[in-house]
């Protein structure tokens, strides 16, 4: 894959998949943002919003994934910056939330992008006997 910047695309599952229907006038509930180098998918991230009116002002980030061979090239950071723009400008959200795996340095990755730790679920993730980690709750506010 070339070493240049990835191209980005924001997908709205409601309009980009003809078999999905939505209620007229309801705001979009999900976005998939992808990054590619040429025809090669480099990574993706999913954003969901809850339709419940009390929490409709924030979204939840799920599944930031990058291919191992492109890590360290800014794909994850680029995806997260684009997702922030989509959340604010297209979905009208005011804040974003996510849960990250503790012990991987992800708090620092997200911190460099303006996120702050809002709390932890101690020992929430068990990978094997004796290998439990915190789930780190992160917040990006304002967008």
N, C-alpha and C. Protein backbone atom coordinates (compact mmCIF):
# COMPACT_ATOMS: atom_id res chain seq x y z
N UNK A 1 0.84 -1.17 0.00
CA UNK A 1 0.00 0.00 0.00
C UNK A 1 0.88 1.24 0.00
N UNK A 2 0.47 2.30 -0.70
CA UNK A 2 1.25 3.51 -0.71
C UNK A 2 1.27 4.17 0.67
N UNK A 3 2.24 5.06 0.91
CA UNK A 3 2.43 5.71 2.20
C UNK A 3 1.69 7.04 2.30
N UNK A 4 0.84 7.38 1.36
CA UNK A 4 0.12 8.65 1.39
C UNK A 4 -1.07 8.56 2.35
N UNK A 5 -1.82 9.66 2.45
CA UNK A 5 -2.99 9.70 3.33
C UNK A 5 -4.11 8.84 2.77
N UNK A 6 -4.89 8.22 3.66
CA UNK A 6 -6.01 7.40 3.18
C UNK A 6 -7.16 8.27 2.70
N UNK A 7 -7.94 7.74 1.78
CA UNK A 7 -9.19 8.40 1.40
C UNK A 7 -10.27 7.91 2.36
N UNK A 8 -11.23 8.81 2.66
CA UNK A 8 -12.27 8.51 3.64
C UNK A 8 -13.63 8.49 2.99
N UNK A 9 -14.55 7.72 3.57
CA UNK A 9 -15.93 7.71 3.12
C UNK A 9 -16.83 7.47 4.33
N UNK A 10 -17.89 8.26 4.41
CA UNK A 10 -18.89 8.10 5.47
C UNK A 10 -20.10 7.43 4.86
N UNK A 11 -20.52 6.33 5.44
CA UNK A 11 -21.65 5.55 4.96
C UNK A 11 -22.83 5.74 5.89
N UNK A 12 -23.99 5.97 5.32
CA UNK A 12 -25.23 6.02 6.10
C UNK A 12 -25.98 4.75 5.76
N UNK A 13 -26.03 3.78 6.69
CA UNK A 13 -26.69 2.52 6.37
C UNK A 13 -28.14 2.69 5.92
N UNK A 14 -28.79 3.74 6.36
CA UNK A 14 -30.19 3.95 5.97
C UNK A 14 -30.31 4.27 4.49
N UNK A 15 -29.42 5.11 3.96
CA UNK A 15 -29.55 5.50 2.56
C UNK A 15 -28.63 4.72 1.63
N UNK A 16 -27.53 4.17 2.13
CA UNK A 16 -26.58 3.47 1.28
C UNK A 16 -26.92 2.01 1.04
N UNK A 17 -27.88 1.46 1.81
CA UNK A 17 -28.30 0.08 1.60
C UNK A 17 -29.77 0.10 1.22
N UNK A 18 -30.10 -0.29 0.01
CA UNK A 18 -31.48 -0.17 -0.44
C UNK A 18 -32.47 -1.02 0.34
N UNK A 19 -32.02 -2.06 1.05
CA UNK A 19 -32.95 -2.92 1.76
C UNK A 19 -33.27 -2.41 3.17
N UNK A 20 -32.64 -1.28 3.60
CA UNK A 20 -32.90 -0.72 4.91
C UNK A 20 -33.88 0.44 4.77
N UNK A 21 -34.86 0.48 5.64
CA UNK A 21 -35.82 1.58 5.60
C UNK A 21 -35.75 2.35 6.90
N UNK A 22 -36.21 3.60 6.89
CA UNK A 22 -36.24 4.41 8.10
C UNK A 22 -37.52 5.21 8.10
N UNK A 23 -37.86 5.71 9.27
CA UNK A 23 -39.04 6.57 9.39
C UNK A 23 -38.73 7.93 8.80
N UNK A 24 -39.67 8.49 8.07
CA UNK A 24 -39.48 9.82 7.48
C UNK A 24 -39.29 10.83 8.60
N UNK A 25 -38.30 11.70 8.43
CA UNK A 25 -38.06 12.76 9.39
C UNK A 25 -37.23 12.37 10.59
N UNK A 26 -36.94 11.08 10.78
CA UNK A 26 -36.12 10.70 11.93
C UNK A 26 -34.65 10.90 11.60
N UNK A 27 -33.84 11.33 12.59
CA UNK A 27 -32.42 11.55 12.31
C UNK A 27 -31.70 10.23 12.09
N UNK A 28 -30.62 10.25 11.32
CA UNK A 28 -29.83 9.02 11.12
C UNK A 28 -29.33 8.49 12.46
N UNK A 29 -29.28 7.17 12.59
CA UNK A 29 -28.86 6.56 13.85
C UNK A 29 -27.49 5.93 13.80
N UNK A 30 -26.89 5.82 12.63
CA UNK A 30 -25.63 5.11 12.53
C UNK A 30 -24.80 5.64 11.37
N UNK A 31 -23.49 5.65 11.54
CA UNK A 31 -22.57 5.98 10.46
C UNK A 31 -21.41 5.01 10.52
N UNK A 32 -20.96 4.60 9.36
CA UNK A 32 -19.74 3.82 9.20
C UNK A 32 -18.79 4.68 8.41
N UNK A 33 -17.61 4.95 8.96
CA UNK A 33 -16.60 5.72 8.24
C UNK A 33 -15.46 4.76 7.91
N UNK A 34 -15.08 4.73 6.64
CA UNK A 34 -14.00 3.84 6.19
C UNK A 34 -12.83 4.65 5.68
N UNK A 35 -11.65 4.04 5.75
CA UNK A 35 -10.43 4.62 5.20
C UNK A 35 -9.81 3.61 4.26
N UNK A 36 -9.35 4.08 3.11
CA UNK A 36 -8.76 3.19 2.11
C UNK A 36 -7.49 3.80 1.53
N UNK A 37 -6.59 2.95 1.12
CA UNK A 37 -5.46 3.32 0.29
C UNK A 37 -5.74 2.69 -1.06
N UNK A 38 -6.14 3.51 -2.03
CA UNK A 38 -6.55 2.97 -3.32
C UNK A 38 -7.78 2.12 -3.13
N UNK A 39 -7.72 0.88 -3.56
CA UNK A 39 -8.85 -0.05 -3.42
C UNK A 39 -8.76 -0.87 -2.13
N UNK A 40 -7.68 -0.70 -1.37
CA UNK A 40 -7.46 -1.50 -0.16
C UNK A 40 -8.07 -0.84 1.07
N UNK A 41 -8.99 -1.54 1.73
CA UNK A 41 -9.57 -1.05 2.97
C UNK A 41 -8.48 -1.02 4.04
N UNK A 42 -8.30 0.14 4.68
CA UNK A 42 -7.27 0.29 5.71
C UNK A 42 -7.86 0.28 7.11
N UNK A 43 -9.14 0.71 7.25
CA UNK A 43 -9.74 0.73 8.57
C UNK A 43 -11.17 1.24 8.52
N UNK A 44 -11.83 1.16 9.67
CA UNK A 44 -13.21 1.62 9.76
C UNK A 44 -13.54 1.94 11.21
N UNK A 45 -14.60 2.71 11.39
CA UNK A 45 -15.13 3.01 12.71
C UNK A 45 -16.64 3.21 12.58
N UNK A 46 -17.38 2.83 13.61
CA UNK A 46 -18.84 2.92 13.60
C UNK A 46 -19.29 3.90 14.68
N UNK A 47 -20.26 4.73 14.34
CA UNK A 47 -20.87 5.66 15.28
C UNK A 47 -22.36 5.38 15.34
N UNK A 48 -22.89 5.24 16.56
CA UNK A 48 -24.33 5.03 16.74
C UNK A 48 -24.89 6.10 17.65
N UNK A 49 -26.12 6.50 17.37
CA UNK A 49 -26.85 7.40 18.27
C UNK A 49 -28.09 6.67 18.74
N UNK A 50 -28.50 6.96 19.93
CA UNK A 50 -29.70 6.37 20.50
C UNK A 50 -30.88 7.27 20.16
N UNK A 51 -32.01 6.73 19.72
CA UNK A 51 -33.15 7.57 19.37
C UNK A 51 -33.90 8.12 20.59
N UNK A 52 -33.59 7.60 21.78
CA UNK A 52 -34.27 8.05 23.00
C UNK A 52 -33.93 9.51 23.25
N UNK A 53 -34.92 10.37 23.38
CA UNK A 53 -34.71 11.82 23.39
C UNK A 53 -33.80 12.32 24.51
N UNK A 54 -33.74 11.63 25.64
CA UNK A 54 -32.89 12.09 26.74
C UNK A 54 -31.40 11.97 26.44
N UNK A 55 -31.05 11.09 25.52
CA UNK A 55 -29.63 10.90 25.18
C UNK A 55 -29.36 11.11 23.69
N UNK A 56 -30.30 11.71 23.00
CA UNK A 56 -30.16 11.90 21.55
C UNK A 56 -29.07 12.90 21.18
N UNK A 57 -28.52 13.61 22.14
CA UNK A 57 -27.48 14.60 21.87
C UNK A 57 -26.07 14.00 21.85
N UNK A 58 -25.93 12.71 22.21
CA UNK A 58 -24.61 12.10 22.17
C UNK A 58 -24.62 10.80 21.37
N UNK A 59 -23.45 10.42 20.92
CA UNK A 59 -23.29 9.19 20.15
C UNK A 59 -22.25 8.29 20.80
N UNK A 60 -22.29 7.03 20.44
CA UNK A 60 -21.35 6.04 20.95
C UNK A 60 -20.49 5.52 19.80
N UNK A 61 -19.19 5.55 20.01
CA UNK A 61 -18.23 5.07 19.02
C UNK A 61 -17.97 3.59 19.29
N UNK A 62 -18.07 2.79 18.22
CA UNK A 62 -17.83 1.35 18.30
C UNK A 62 -16.80 0.93 17.26
N UNK A 63 -15.97 0.01 17.61
CA UNK A 63 -15.17 -0.77 16.67
C UNK A 63 -14.25 0.06 15.78
N UNK A 64 -13.41 0.90 16.37
CA UNK A 64 -12.32 1.48 15.57
C UNK A 64 -11.35 0.34 15.27
N UNK A 65 -11.21 0.04 13.99
CA UNK A 65 -10.35 -1.06 13.57
C UNK A 65 -9.44 -0.59 12.44
N UNK A 66 -8.17 -0.95 12.51
CA UNK A 66 -7.25 -0.69 11.40
C UNK A 66 -6.52 -1.99 11.09
N UNK A 67 -6.18 -2.15 9.84
CA UNK A 67 -5.43 -3.35 9.45
C UNK A 67 -4.04 -3.27 10.06
N UNK A 68 -3.53 -4.38 10.58
CA UNK A 68 -2.23 -4.36 11.25
C UNK A 68 -1.11 -3.76 10.40
N UNK A 69 -1.13 -4.00 9.11
CA UNK A 69 -0.02 -3.52 8.27
C UNK A 69 -0.05 -2.01 8.01
N UNK A 70 -1.13 -1.32 8.40
CA UNK A 70 -1.17 0.14 8.22
C UNK A 70 -1.11 0.87 9.56
N UNK A 71 -0.99 0.15 10.65
CA UNK A 71 -0.91 0.81 11.96
C UNK A 71 0.35 1.65 12.05
N UNK A 72 0.22 2.78 12.73
CA UNK A 72 1.34 3.70 12.85
C UNK A 72 1.42 4.71 11.72
N UNK A 73 0.47 4.66 10.81
CA UNK A 73 0.47 5.56 9.64
C UNK A 73 -0.63 6.63 9.73
N UNK A 74 -1.29 6.74 10.88
CA UNK A 74 -2.28 7.79 11.08
C UNK A 74 -3.69 7.45 10.65
N UNK A 75 -3.94 6.19 10.28
CA UNK A 75 -5.27 5.81 9.81
C UNK A 75 -6.29 5.94 10.94
N UNK A 76 -5.99 5.42 12.13
CA UNK A 76 -6.92 5.50 13.25
C UNK A 76 -7.22 6.94 13.64
N UNK A 77 -6.18 7.76 13.72
CA UNK A 77 -6.38 9.18 14.05
C UNK A 77 -7.22 9.89 12.99
N UNK A 78 -6.95 9.60 11.75
CA UNK A 78 -7.71 10.21 10.65
C UNK A 78 -9.17 9.80 10.71
N UNK A 79 -9.43 8.53 10.97
CA UNK A 79 -10.80 8.05 11.09
C UNK A 79 -11.52 8.75 12.24
N UNK A 80 -10.86 8.88 13.38
CA UNK A 80 -11.50 9.49 14.55
C UNK A 80 -11.76 10.98 14.32
N UNK A 81 -10.86 11.67 13.64
CA UNK A 81 -11.11 13.10 13.34
C UNK A 81 -12.28 13.25 12.39
N UNK A 82 -12.36 12.38 11.40
CA UNK A 82 -13.48 12.43 10.45
C UNK A 82 -14.79 12.08 11.15
N UNK A 83 -14.76 11.10 12.03
CA UNK A 83 -15.96 10.72 12.76
C UNK A 83 -16.47 11.88 13.62
N UNK A 84 -15.55 12.60 14.22
CA UNK A 84 -15.93 13.78 15.01
C UNK A 84 -16.65 14.80 14.14
N UNK A 85 -16.14 15.04 12.95
CA UNK A 85 -16.76 15.98 12.01
C UNK A 85 -18.14 15.50 11.59
N UNK A 86 -18.26 14.23 11.26
CA UNK A 86 -19.55 13.65 10.86
C UNK A 86 -20.55 13.78 12.01
N UNK A 87 -20.11 13.45 13.22
CA UNK A 87 -21.00 13.51 14.39
C UNK A 87 -21.53 14.92 14.60
N UNK A 88 -20.65 15.89 14.51
CA UNK A 88 -21.03 17.28 14.76
C UNK A 88 -21.82 17.88 13.60
N UNK A 89 -21.27 17.77 12.39
CA UNK A 89 -21.82 18.49 11.24
C UNK A 89 -22.98 17.78 10.55
N UNK A 90 -22.97 16.46 10.52
CA UNK A 90 -24.02 15.72 9.82
C UNK A 90 -25.11 15.21 10.76
N UNK A 91 -24.72 14.79 11.96
CA UNK A 91 -25.68 14.22 12.89
C UNK A 91 -26.12 15.20 13.97
N UNK A 92 -25.43 16.33 14.09
CA UNK A 92 -25.81 17.34 15.07
C UNK A 92 -25.59 16.91 16.51
N UNK A 93 -24.63 16.00 16.73
CA UNK A 93 -24.37 15.52 18.09
C UNK A 93 -23.50 16.53 18.85
N UNK A 94 -23.58 16.47 20.16
CA UNK A 94 -22.83 17.39 21.02
C UNK A 94 -21.67 16.72 21.72
N UNK A 95 -21.73 15.41 21.91
CA UNK A 95 -20.65 14.69 22.57
C UNK A 95 -20.61 13.24 22.09
N UNK A 96 -19.43 12.64 22.26
CA UNK A 96 -19.23 11.24 21.89
C UNK A 96 -18.69 10.48 23.10
N UNK A 97 -19.04 9.20 23.14
CA UNK A 97 -18.57 8.32 24.20
C UNK A 97 -18.02 7.04 23.59
N UNK A 98 -17.10 6.41 24.30
CA UNK A 98 -16.59 5.11 23.89
C UNK A 98 -16.04 4.38 25.09
N UNK A 99 -15.88 3.09 24.94
CA UNK A 99 -15.25 2.24 25.95
C UNK A 99 -14.04 1.59 25.30
N UNK A 100 -12.88 1.76 25.94
CA UNK A 100 -11.63 1.23 25.40
C UNK A 100 -11.05 0.19 26.35
N UNK A 101 -10.31 -0.73 25.80
CA UNK A 101 -9.64 -1.77 26.57
C UNK A 101 -8.47 -1.16 27.33
N UNK A 102 -8.46 -1.32 28.66
CA UNK A 102 -7.36 -0.84 29.47
C UNK A 102 -6.10 -1.66 29.25
N UNK A 103 -4.96 -1.08 29.60
CA UNK A 103 -3.69 -1.80 29.50
C UNK A 103 -3.10 -1.87 28.11
N UNK A 104 -3.67 -1.16 27.15
CA UNK A 104 -3.19 -1.19 25.77
C UNK A 104 -2.64 0.17 25.32
N UNK A 105 -2.72 1.18 26.19
CA UNK A 105 -2.28 2.52 25.81
C UNK A 105 -3.32 3.30 25.02
N UNK A 106 -4.53 2.76 24.94
CA UNK A 106 -5.57 3.42 24.14
C UNK A 106 -6.00 4.74 24.77
N UNK A 107 -5.92 4.86 26.10
CA UNK A 107 -6.27 6.12 26.75
C UNK A 107 -5.40 7.24 26.20
N UNK A 108 -4.13 6.96 25.96
CA UNK A 108 -3.21 7.97 25.44
C UNK A 108 -3.51 8.29 23.98
N UNK A 109 -3.83 7.27 23.20
CA UNK A 109 -4.20 7.48 21.80
C UNK A 109 -5.39 8.43 21.71
N UNK A 110 -6.47 8.10 22.44
CA UNK A 110 -7.66 8.94 22.40
C UNK A 110 -7.41 10.30 23.05
N UNK A 111 -6.60 10.34 24.10
CA UNK A 111 -6.27 11.60 24.75
C UNK A 111 -5.62 12.59 23.81
N UNK A 112 -4.76 12.11 22.93
CA UNK A 112 -4.11 12.99 21.93
C UNK A 112 -5.13 13.58 20.96
N UNK A 113 -6.29 12.96 20.86
CA UNK A 113 -7.34 13.43 19.96
C UNK A 113 -8.40 14.26 20.68
N UNK A 114 -8.15 14.60 21.95
CA UNK A 114 -9.06 15.46 22.70
C UNK A 114 -10.01 14.75 23.63
N UNK A 115 -9.95 13.41 23.68
CA UNK A 115 -10.83 12.65 24.55
C UNK A 115 -10.28 12.70 25.97
N UNK A 116 -11.17 12.54 26.95
CA UNK A 116 -10.75 12.45 28.34
C UNK A 116 -11.40 11.23 28.99
N UNK A 117 -10.70 10.68 29.97
CA UNK A 117 -11.24 9.55 30.70
C UNK A 117 -12.35 10.03 31.62
N UNK A 118 -13.50 9.35 31.55
CA UNK A 118 -14.65 9.70 32.38
C UNK A 118 -14.86 8.69 33.50
N UNK A 119 -14.21 7.55 33.43
CA UNK A 119 -14.35 6.53 34.47
C UNK A 119 -13.83 5.19 33.98
N UNK A 120 -13.97 4.19 34.81
CA UNK A 120 -13.51 2.83 34.49
C UNK A 120 -14.45 1.81 35.08
N UNK A 121 -14.56 0.69 34.39
CA UNK A 121 -15.18 -0.50 34.95
C UNK A 121 -14.02 -1.42 35.33
N UNK A 122 -13.66 -1.50 36.61
CA UNK A 122 -12.50 -2.32 37.01
C UNK A 122 -12.68 -3.79 36.65
N UNK A 123 -11.64 -4.38 36.12
CA UNK A 123 -11.61 -5.81 35.80
C UNK A 123 -12.81 -6.27 34.98
N UNK A 124 -13.29 -5.42 34.09
CA UNK A 124 -14.49 -5.73 33.30
C UNK A 124 -14.22 -6.70 32.17
N UNK A 125 -13.00 -6.74 31.69
CA UNK A 125 -12.68 -7.57 30.53
C UNK A 125 -11.75 -8.72 30.95
N UNK A 126 -12.19 -9.94 30.72
CA UNK A 126 -11.38 -11.11 31.06
C UNK A 126 -10.98 -11.82 29.79
N UNK A 127 -9.68 -11.79 29.51
CA UNK A 127 -9.16 -12.42 28.29
C UNK A 127 -8.75 -13.86 28.53
N UNK A 128 -8.33 -14.14 29.74
CA UNK A 128 -7.94 -15.50 30.14
C UNK A 128 -7.88 -15.51 31.66
N UNK A 129 -7.84 -16.66 32.26
CA UNK A 129 -7.68 -16.69 33.72
C UNK A 129 -6.44 -15.88 34.12
N UNK A 130 -6.62 -14.95 35.04
CA UNK A 130 -5.51 -14.12 35.48
C UNK A 130 -5.22 -12.93 34.58
N UNK A 131 -5.93 -12.78 33.49
CA UNK A 131 -5.72 -11.64 32.58
C UNK A 131 -7.02 -10.85 32.45
N UNK A 132 -7.27 -10.02 33.44
CA UNK A 132 -8.44 -9.13 33.40
C UNK A 132 -7.95 -7.70 33.30
N UNK A 133 -8.74 -6.88 32.63
CA UNK A 133 -8.37 -5.48 32.42
C UNK A 133 -9.58 -4.59 32.63
N UNK A 134 -9.28 -3.34 32.94
CA UNK A 134 -10.35 -2.36 33.07
C UNK A 134 -10.92 -2.02 31.70
N UNK A 135 -12.17 -1.63 31.69
CA UNK A 135 -12.77 -1.01 30.52
C UNK A 135 -12.75 0.49 30.82
N UNK A 136 -12.08 1.26 29.96
CA UNK A 136 -11.89 2.69 30.18
C UNK A 136 -12.99 3.44 29.44
N UNK A 137 -13.74 4.24 30.17
CA UNK A 137 -14.84 5.02 29.60
C UNK A 137 -14.31 6.39 29.22
N UNK A 138 -14.44 6.75 27.94
CA UNK A 138 -13.87 7.98 27.40
C UNK A 138 -14.99 8.90 26.89
N UNK A 139 -14.73 10.20 26.94
CA UNK A 139 -15.70 11.21 26.54
C UNK A 139 -15.02 12.27 25.69
N UNK A 140 -15.69 12.68 24.63
CA UNK A 140 -15.25 13.79 23.80
C UNK A 140 -16.36 14.84 23.82
N UNK A 141 -16.08 15.95 24.49
CA UNK A 141 -17.10 16.99 24.68
C UNK A 141 -16.39 18.30 24.96
N UNK A 142 -16.63 19.35 24.19
CA UNK A 142 -17.57 19.45 23.07
C UNK A 142 -16.95 18.94 21.79
N UNK A 143 -17.79 18.77 20.78
CA UNK A 143 -17.30 18.35 19.48
C UNK A 143 -16.85 19.59 18.71
